[in-house]
Amino acid sequence: NADWTLAPPLSPYLVYEMRGKGVVFAPSTGVTYTIAAPLTGDGGLVVRGAGTVKLSAGAYAFSGVCRVEEGSIDLSAAGTLSNAKFGGAGTVKGATVNRCTLSLMAEDDWTVAATPTFDGCSLNGTLRVDFGRDETCPLDEGKIPDWITIGAWTGAGRKPSSVKVIGTGGFDLIGEIAFDADGTMRCKARRAGFKCILR
């Protein structure tokens, strides 16, 4: 398993289109895969293995979730991204993102098993926290915890100042974000408005 680079296609008629979860890269420890070609489409990208996937300028052109299950993705050379979505338990390095979304997989009791670490990133604007639920499988509205761990923060960079909670399964929440001294990112979710039942 050695370093390698995915170069742009030789023809403008050839594209790397992500579908579903997208392509899986699994570099081993100490190995870097460099992506110099645009990865397009509405699918995502998965990083596995303890190594690093590095995206060059223009390579991050897909709209699905970048799920870093382990290892890291280095976006320091990718330029400013808009509406990028991240999930998994790995590390996102050097990203500058406008309107970032955390794509988390929550259990019914709001427990989130895997959360990403942001290393030297700048997340501009409101951070969206998507718990991945819809009306067919909502989270338990009666068990909203005081604080939910949604990630970790390390290094310099611009931290998000506000958060919007989505993907709960049908009820509206207002979010508040906090950063602990050890870098833990936490979100406090509370109900928006009130519910009136007439009998």
C-alpha atoms as a PDB file:
ATOM      1  CA  ASN A   1       0.000   0.000   0.000  1.00  0.00           C
ATOM      2  CA  ALA A   2       1.902   3.064  -1.272  1.00  0.00           C
ATOM      3  CA  ASP A   3       1.203   6.745  -1.934  1.00  0.00           C
ATOM      4  CA  TRP A   4      -0.599   7.413  -5.215  1.00  0.00           C
ATOM      5  CA  THR A   5      -2.469  10.166  -7.068  1.00  0.00           C
ATOM      6  CA  LEU A   6      -5.784  10.012  -8.921  1.00  0.00           C
ATOM      7  CA  ALA A   7      -5.146  12.300 -11.873  1.00  0.00           C
ATOM      8  CA  PRO A   8      -7.810  14.081 -13.941  1.00  0.00           C
ATOM      9  CA  PRO A   9      -9.253  11.915 -16.729  1.00  0.00           C
ATOM     10  CA  LEU A  10      -7.526  12.145 -20.106  1.00  0.00           C
ATOM     11  CA  SER A  11     -10.785  13.066 -21.813  1.00  0.00           C
ATOM     12  CA  PRO A  12     -13.311  15.751 -20.779  1.00  0.00           C
ATOM     13  CA  TYR A  13     -16.003  13.162 -21.527  1.00  0.00           C
ATOM     14  CA  LEU A  14     -14.782  10.920 -18.673  1.00  0.00           C
ATOM     15  CA  VAL A  15     -15.871  11.828 -15.142  1.00  0.00           C
ATOM     16  CA  TYR A  16     -15.609  10.336 -11.666  1.00  0.00           C
ATOM     17  CA  GLU A  17     -19.232  10.392 -10.543  1.00  0.00           C
ATOM     18  CA  MET A  18     -20.138   9.491  -6.967  1.00  0.00           C
ATOM     19  CA  ARG A  19     -23.389   7.612  -6.373  1.00  0.00           C
ATOM     20  CA  GLY A  20     -24.876   6.351  -3.126  1.00  0.00           C
ATOM     21  CA  LYS A  21     -22.154   6.225  -0.463  1.00  0.00           C
ATOM     22  CA  GLY A  22     -19.613   6.778  -3.240  1.00  0.00           C
ATOM     23  CA  VAL A  23     -16.083   5.503  -3.624  1.00  0.00           C
ATOM     24  CA  VAL A  24     -14.194   3.969  -0.684  1.00  0.00           C
ATOM     25  CA  PHE A  25     -10.537   4.888  -0.130  1.00  0.00           C
ATOM     26  CA  ALA A  26      -8.594   2.839   2.433  1.00  0.00           C
ATOM     27  CA  PRO A  27      -4.965   4.006   2.703  1.00  0.00           C
ATOM     28  CA  SER A  28      -2.912   2.250   5.371  1.00  0.00           C
ATOM     29  CA  THR A  29      -0.887   3.930   8.120  1.00  0.00           C
ATOM     30  CA  GLY A  30       1.567   6.509   6.762  1.00  0.00           C
ATOM     31  CA  VAL A  31       0.127   6.353   3.239  1.00  0.00           C
ATOM     32  CA  THR A  32      -1.484   9.313   1.416  1.00  0.00           C
ATOM     33  CA  TYR A  33      -3.872   9.052  -1.508  1.00  0.00           C
ATOM     34  CA  THR A  34      -4.038  12.367  -3.394  1.00  0.00           C
ATOM     35  CA  ILE A  35      -7.173  13.095  -5.416  1.00  0.00           C
ATOM     36  CA  ALA A  36      -6.388  15.621  -8.144  1.00  0.00           C
ATOM     37  CA  ALA A  37      -9.480  14.924 -10.258  1.00  0.00           C
ATOM     38  CA  PRO A  38     -12.980  16.313  -9.656  1.00  0.00           C
ATOM     39  CA  LEU A  39     -15.237  13.843  -7.842  1.00  0.00           C
ATOM     40  CA  THR A  40     -18.741  14.788  -8.966  1.00  0.00           C
ATOM     41  CA  GLY A  41     -22.285  13.528  -8.435  1.00  0.00           C
ATOM     42  CA  ASP A  42     -24.833  13.379  -5.636  1.00  0.00           C
ATOM     43  CA  GLY A  43     -23.137  10.473  -3.868  1.00  0.00           C
ATOM     44  CA  GLY A  44     -20.503  10.616  -1.153  1.00  0.00           C
ATOM     45  CA  LEU A  45     -17.009   9.466  -0.292  1.00  0.00           C
ATOM     46  CA  VAL A  46     -15.826   7.051   2.409  1.00  0.00           C
ATOM     47  CA  VAL A  47     -12.380   7.045   4.030  1.00  0.00           C
ATOM     48  CA  ARG A  48     -11.242   3.839   5.732  1.00  0.00           C
ATOM     49  CA  GLY A  49      -7.804   2.795   6.878  1.00  0.00           C
ATOM     50  CA  ALA A  50      -5.424   4.713   9.135  1.00  0.00           C
ATOM     51  CA  GLY A  51      -3.827   6.774   6.340  1.00  0.00           C
ATOM     52  CA  THR A  52      -4.798  10.065   4.684  1.00  0.00           C
ATOM     53  CA  VAL A  53      -6.874  11.002   1.640  1.00  0.00           C
ATOM     54  CA  LYS A  54      -5.891  14.457   0.351  1.00  0.00           C
ATOM     55  CA  LEU A  55      -8.089  16.406  -2.065  1.00  0.00           C
ATOM     56  CA  SER A  56      -6.614  19.017  -4.394  1.00  0.00           C
ATOM     57  CA  ALA A  57      -8.364  22.203  -5.534  1.00  0.00           C
ATOM     58  CA  GLY A  58     -11.596  21.404  -7.367  1.00  0.00           C
ATOM     59  CA  ALA A  59     -11.629  17.743  -6.343  1.00  0.00           C
ATOM     60  CA  TYR A  60     -14.436  18.096  -3.799  1.00  0.00           C
ATOM     61  CA  ALA A  61     -17.270  18.500  -6.315  1.00  0.00           C
ATOM     62  CA  PHE A  62     -19.776  15.947  -4.988  1.00  0.00           C
ATOM     63  CA  SER A  63     -22.803  16.728  -2.828  1.00  0.00           C
ATOM     64  CA  GLY A  64     -23.147  13.587  -0.710  1.00  0.00           C
ATOM     65  CA  VAL A  65     -21.666  12.842   2.711  1.00  0.00           C
ATOM     66  CA  CYS A  66     -17.911  12.610   3.189  1.00  0.00           C
ATOM     67  CA  ARG A  67     -17.822   9.861   5.815  1.00  0.00           C
ATOM     68  CA  VAL A  68     -14.392   9.529   7.424  1.00  0.00           C
ATOM     69  CA  GLU A  69     -14.782   6.235   9.268  1.00  0.00           C
ATOM     70  CA  GLU A  70     -11.112   6.201  10.300  1.00  0.00           C
ATOM     71  CA  GLY A  71      -7.895   7.883   9.262  1.00  0.00           C
ATOM     72  CA  SER A  72      -8.198  11.403   7.906  1.00  0.00           C
ATOM     73  CA  ILE A  73      -9.174  13.528   4.948  1.00  0.00           C
ATOM     74  CA  ASP A  74      -6.936  16.518   4.241  1.00  0.00           C
ATOM     75  CA  LEU A  75      -8.820  19.414   2.650  1.00  0.00           C
ATOM     76  CA  SER A  76      -6.188  22.112   3.218  1.00  0.00           C
ATOM     77  CA  ALA A  77      -5.601  22.410  -0.551  1.00  0.00           C
ATOM     78  CA  ALA A  78      -9.223  21.898  -1.621  1.00  0.00           C
ATOM     79  CA  GLY A  79     -10.220  25.561  -1.427  1.00  0.00           C
ATOM     80  CA  THR A  80     -13.356  26.931   0.222  1.00  0.00           C
ATOM     81  CA  LEU A  81     -16.207  24.423   0.143  1.00  0.00           C
ATOM     82  CA  SER A  82     -19.928  25.143   0.363  1.00  0.00           C
ATOM     83  CA  ASN A  83     -22.578  22.883   1.892  1.00  0.00           C
ATOM     84  CA  ALA A  84     -20.116  20.049   2.566  1.00  0.00           C
ATOM     85  CA  LYS A  85     -21.361  17.184   4.755  1.00  0.00           C
ATOM     86  CA  PHE A  86     -19.149  15.182   7.118  1.00  0.00           C
ATOM     87  CA  GLY A  87     -19.653  12.114   9.281  1.00  0.00           C
ATOM     88  CA  GLY A  88     -17.750   9.191  10.772  1.00  0.00           C
ATOM     89  CA  ALA A  89     -15.192   8.921  13.576  1.00  0.00           C
ATOM     90  CA  GLY A  90     -12.087  10.045  11.657  1.00  0.00           C
ATOM     91  CA  THR A  91     -10.427  13.438  11.234  1.00  0.00           C
ATOM     92  CA  VAL A  92     -11.182  16.283   8.833  1.00  0.00           C
ATOM     93  CA  LYS A  93      -8.042  18.401   8.358  1.00  0.00           C
ATOM     94  CA  GLY A  94      -7.666  21.983   7.132  1.00  0.00           C
ATOM     95  CA  ALA A  95     -11.160  22.379   5.690  1.00  0.00           C
ATOM     96  CA  THR A  96     -12.705  25.794   5.057  1.00  0.00           C
ATOM     97  CA  VAL A  97     -16.442  25.301   4.715  1.00  0.00           C
ATOM     98  CA  ASN A  98     -19.404  27.627   4.328  1.00  0.00           C
ATOM     99  CA  ARG A  99     -22.632  26.087   5.689  1.00  0.00           C
ATOM    100  CA  CYS A 100     -21.191  22.790   6.916  1.00  0.00           C
ATOM    101  CA  THR A 101     -23.425  19.853   7.871  1.00  0.00           C
ATOM    102  CA  LEU A 102     -22.589  17.126  10.378  1.00  0.00           C
ATOM    103  CA  SER A 103     -24.269  13.930   9.216  1.00  0.00           C
ATOM    104  CA  LEU A 104     -24.615  11.865  12.400  1.00  0.00           C
ATOM    105  CA  MET A 105     -26.309   8.539  12.988  1.00  0.00           C
ATOM    106  CA  ALA A 106     -28.284   8.759  16.227  1.00  0.00           C
ATOM    107  CA  GLU A 107     -29.928   5.959  18.163  1.00  0.00           C
ATOM    108  CA  ASP A 108     -33.515   6.361  19.383  1.00  0.00           C
ATOM    109  CA  ASP A 109     -32.209   7.768  22.686  1.00  0.00           C
ATOM    110  CA  TRP A 110     -30.107  10.397  20.812  1.00  0.00           C
ATOM    111  CA  THR A 111     -26.813   8.559  21.421  1.00  0.00           C
ATOM    112  CA  VAL A 112     -24.298   9.210  18.628  1.00  0.00           C
ATOM    113  CA  ALA A 113     -21.631   6.507  18.331  1.00  0.00           C
ATOM    114  CA  ALA A 114     -19.325   8.128  15.749  1.00  0.00           C
ATOM    115  CA  THR A 115     -18.434  11.819  15.590  1.00  0.00           C
ATOM    116  CA  PRO A 116     -15.664  13.479  13.524  1.00  0.00           C
ATOM    117  CA  THR A 117     -12.683  15.523  14.719  1.00  0.00           C
ATOM    118  CA  PHE A 118     -12.032  18.848  12.997  1.00  0.00           C
ATOM    119  CA  ASP A 119      -8.324  19.711  12.930  1.00  0.00           C
ATOM    120  CA  GLY A 120      -7.377  23.254  11.873  1.00  0.00           C
ATOM    121  CA  CYS A 121     -10.687  23.841  10.113  1.00  0.00           C
ATOM    122  CA  SER A 122     -12.773  26.976   9.582  1.00  0.00           C
ATOM    123  CA  LEU A 123     -16.511  26.352   9.620  1.00  0.00           C
ATOM    124  CA  ASN A 124     -18.268  29.546   8.574  1.00  0.00           C
ATOM    125  CA  GLY A 125     -21.911  30.303   9.198  1.00  0.00           C
ATOM    126  CA  THR A 126     -24.415  28.096  10.972  1.00  0.00           C
ATOM    127  CA  LEU A 127     -23.398  24.459  11.516  1.00  0.00           C
ATOM    128  CA  ARG A 128     -26.213  22.085  10.634  1.00  0.00           C
ATOM    129  CA  VAL A 129     -26.460  18.928  12.755  1.00  0.00           C
ATOM    130  CA  ASP A 130     -28.421  16.254  10.909  1.00  0.00           C
ATOM    131  CA  PHE A 131     -29.446  13.228  12.973  1.00  0.00           C
ATOM    132  CA  GLY A 132     -30.585  11.353   9.868  1.00  0.00           C
ATOM    133  CA  ARG A 133     -34.176  10.632  10.857  1.00  0.00           C
ATOM    134  CA  ASP A 134     -37.482  11.255   9.079  1.00  0.00           C
ATOM    135  CA  GLU A 135     -41.176  10.914   9.955  1.00  0.00           C
ATOM    136  CA  THR A 136     -41.069   7.122   9.572  1.00  0.00           C
ATOM    137  CA  CYS A 137     -38.455   6.680  12.336  1.00  0.00           C
ATOM    138  CA  PRO A 138     -38.314   9.801  14.538  1.00  0.00           C
ATOM    139  CA  LEU A 139     -36.070  10.256  17.542  1.00  0.00           C
ATOM    140  CA  ASP A 140     -37.729  10.023  20.971  1.00  0.00           C
ATOM    141  CA  GLU A 141     -39.045  13.539  21.589  1.00  0.00           C
ATOM    142  CA  GLY A 142     -39.374  12.804  25.298  1.00  0.00           C
ATOM    143  CA  LYS A 143     -35.701  11.899  25.770  1.00  0.00           C
ATOM    144  CA  ILE A 144     -33.842  14.943  24.424  1.00  0.00           C
ATOM    145  CA  PRO A 145     -30.612  15.077  26.481  1.00  0.00           C
ATOM    146  CA  ASP A 146     -29.245  18.343  27.853  1.00  0.00           C
ATOM    147  CA  TRP A 147     -26.077  18.122  25.759  1.00  0.00           C
ATOM    148  CA  ILE A 148     -25.152  15.853  22.850  1.00  0.00           C
ATOM    149  CA  THR A 149     -21.546  15.247  21.786  1.00  0.00           C
ATOM    150  CA  ILE A 150     -21.338  15.994  18.063  1.00  0.00           C
ATOM    151  CA  GLY A 151     -17.588  16.056  17.407  1.00  0.00           C
ATOM    152  CA  ALA A 152     -14.185  17.286  18.514  1.00  0.00           C
ATOM    153  CA  TRP A 153     -12.160  20.405  17.715  1.00  0.00           C
ATOM    154  CA  THR A 154      -8.399  20.865  17.644  1.00  0.00           C
ATOM    155  CA  GLY A 155      -5.936  23.354  16.171  1.00  0.00           C
ATOM    156  CA  ALA A 156      -6.500  26.869  14.921  1.00  0.00           C
ATOM    157  CA  GLY A 157      -9.428  27.886  12.758  1.00  0.00           C
ATOM    158  CA  ARG A 158     -12.843  29.475  12.929  1.00  0.00           C
ATOM    159  CA  LYS A 159     -15.354  27.670  15.086  1.00  0.00           C
ATOM    160  CA  PRO A 160     -19.040  27.752  14.192  1.00  0.00           C
ATOM    161  CA  SER A 161     -20.947  30.191  16.379  1.00  0.00           C
ATOM    162  CA  SER A 162     -24.425  28.756  15.917  1.00  0.00           C
ATOM    163  CA  VAL A 163     -26.058  25.429  15.171  1.00  0.00           C
ATOM    164  CA  LYS A 164     -29.279  24.247  13.556  1.00  0.00           C
ATOM    165  CA  VAL A 165     -30.653  20.816  14.458  1.00  0.00           C
ATOM    166  CA  ILE A 166     -32.330  18.881  11.629  1.00  0.00           C
ATOM    167  CA  GLY A 167     -33.198  15.277  10.810  1.00  0.00           C
ATOM    168  CA  THR A 168     -35.016  14.556  14.083  1.00  0.00           C
ATOM    169  CA  GLY A 169     -38.045  12.981  12.486  1.00  0.00           C
ATOM    170  CA  GLY A 170     -40.630  15.715  12.401  1.00  0.00           C
ATOM    171  CA  PHE A 171     -40.320  18.094  15.335  1.00  0.00           C
ATOM    172  CA  ASP A 172     -38.488  21.415  15.437  1.00  0.00           C
ATOM    173  CA  LEU A 173     -35.539  22.080  17.727  1.00  0.00           C
ATOM    174  CA  ILE A 174     -33.388  25.091  18.476  1.00  0.00           C
ATOM    175  CA  GLY A 175     -29.692  24.341  18.901  1.00  0.00           C
ATOM    176  CA  GLU A 176     -26.865  25.820  20.957  1.00  0.00           C
ATOM    177  CA  ILE A 177     -23.191  24.901  20.499  1.00  0.00           C
ATOM    178  CA  ALA A 178     -20.390  24.718  23.074  1.00  0.00           C
ATOM    179  CA  PHE A 179     -16.726  23.726  23.056  1.00  0.00           C
ATOM    180  CA  ASP A 180     -15.234  22.108  26.153  1.00  0.00           C
ATOM    181  CA  ALA A 181     -11.661  22.754  27.272  1.00  0.00           C
ATOM    182  CA  ASP A 182     -10.581  19.387  25.837  1.00  0.00           C
ATOM    183  CA  GLY A 183     -12.041  20.275  22.419  1.00  0.00           C
ATOM    184  CA  THR A 184     -15.267  18.291  22.681  1.00  0.00           C
ATOM    185  CA  MET A 185     -18.015  19.853  20.536  1.00  0.00           C
ATOM    186  CA  ARG A 186     -21.437  19.636  22.123  1.00  0.00           C
ATOM    187  CA  CYS A 187     -24.900  20.631  21.022  1.00  0.00           C
ATOM    188  CA  LYS A 188     -27.795  21.523  23.271  1.00  0.00           C
ATOM    189  CA  ALA A 189     -31.143  20.973  21.617  1.00  0.00           C
ATOM    190  CA  ARG A 190     -34.435  22.282  22.936  1.00  0.00           C
ATOM    191  CA  ARG A 191     -37.927  22.396  21.566  1.00  0.00           C
ATOM    192  CA  ALA A 192     -38.978  25.360  19.458  1.00  0.00           C
ATOM    193  CA  GLY A 193     -42.356  26.893  20.252  1.00  0.00           C
ATOM    194  CA  PHE A 194     -45.047  24.870  22.017  1.00  0.00           C
ATOM    195  CA  LYS A 195     -47.654  22.262  21.310  1.00  0.00           C
ATOM    196  CA  CYS A 196     -51.342  22.836  22.112  1.00  0.00           C
ATOM    197  CA  ILE A 197     -53.759  19.884  22.151  1.00  0.00           C
ATOM    198  CA  LEU A 198     -57.495  20.627  22.152  1.00  0.00           C
ATOM    199  CA  ARG A 199     -59.894  17.912  23.212  1.00  0.00           C
END
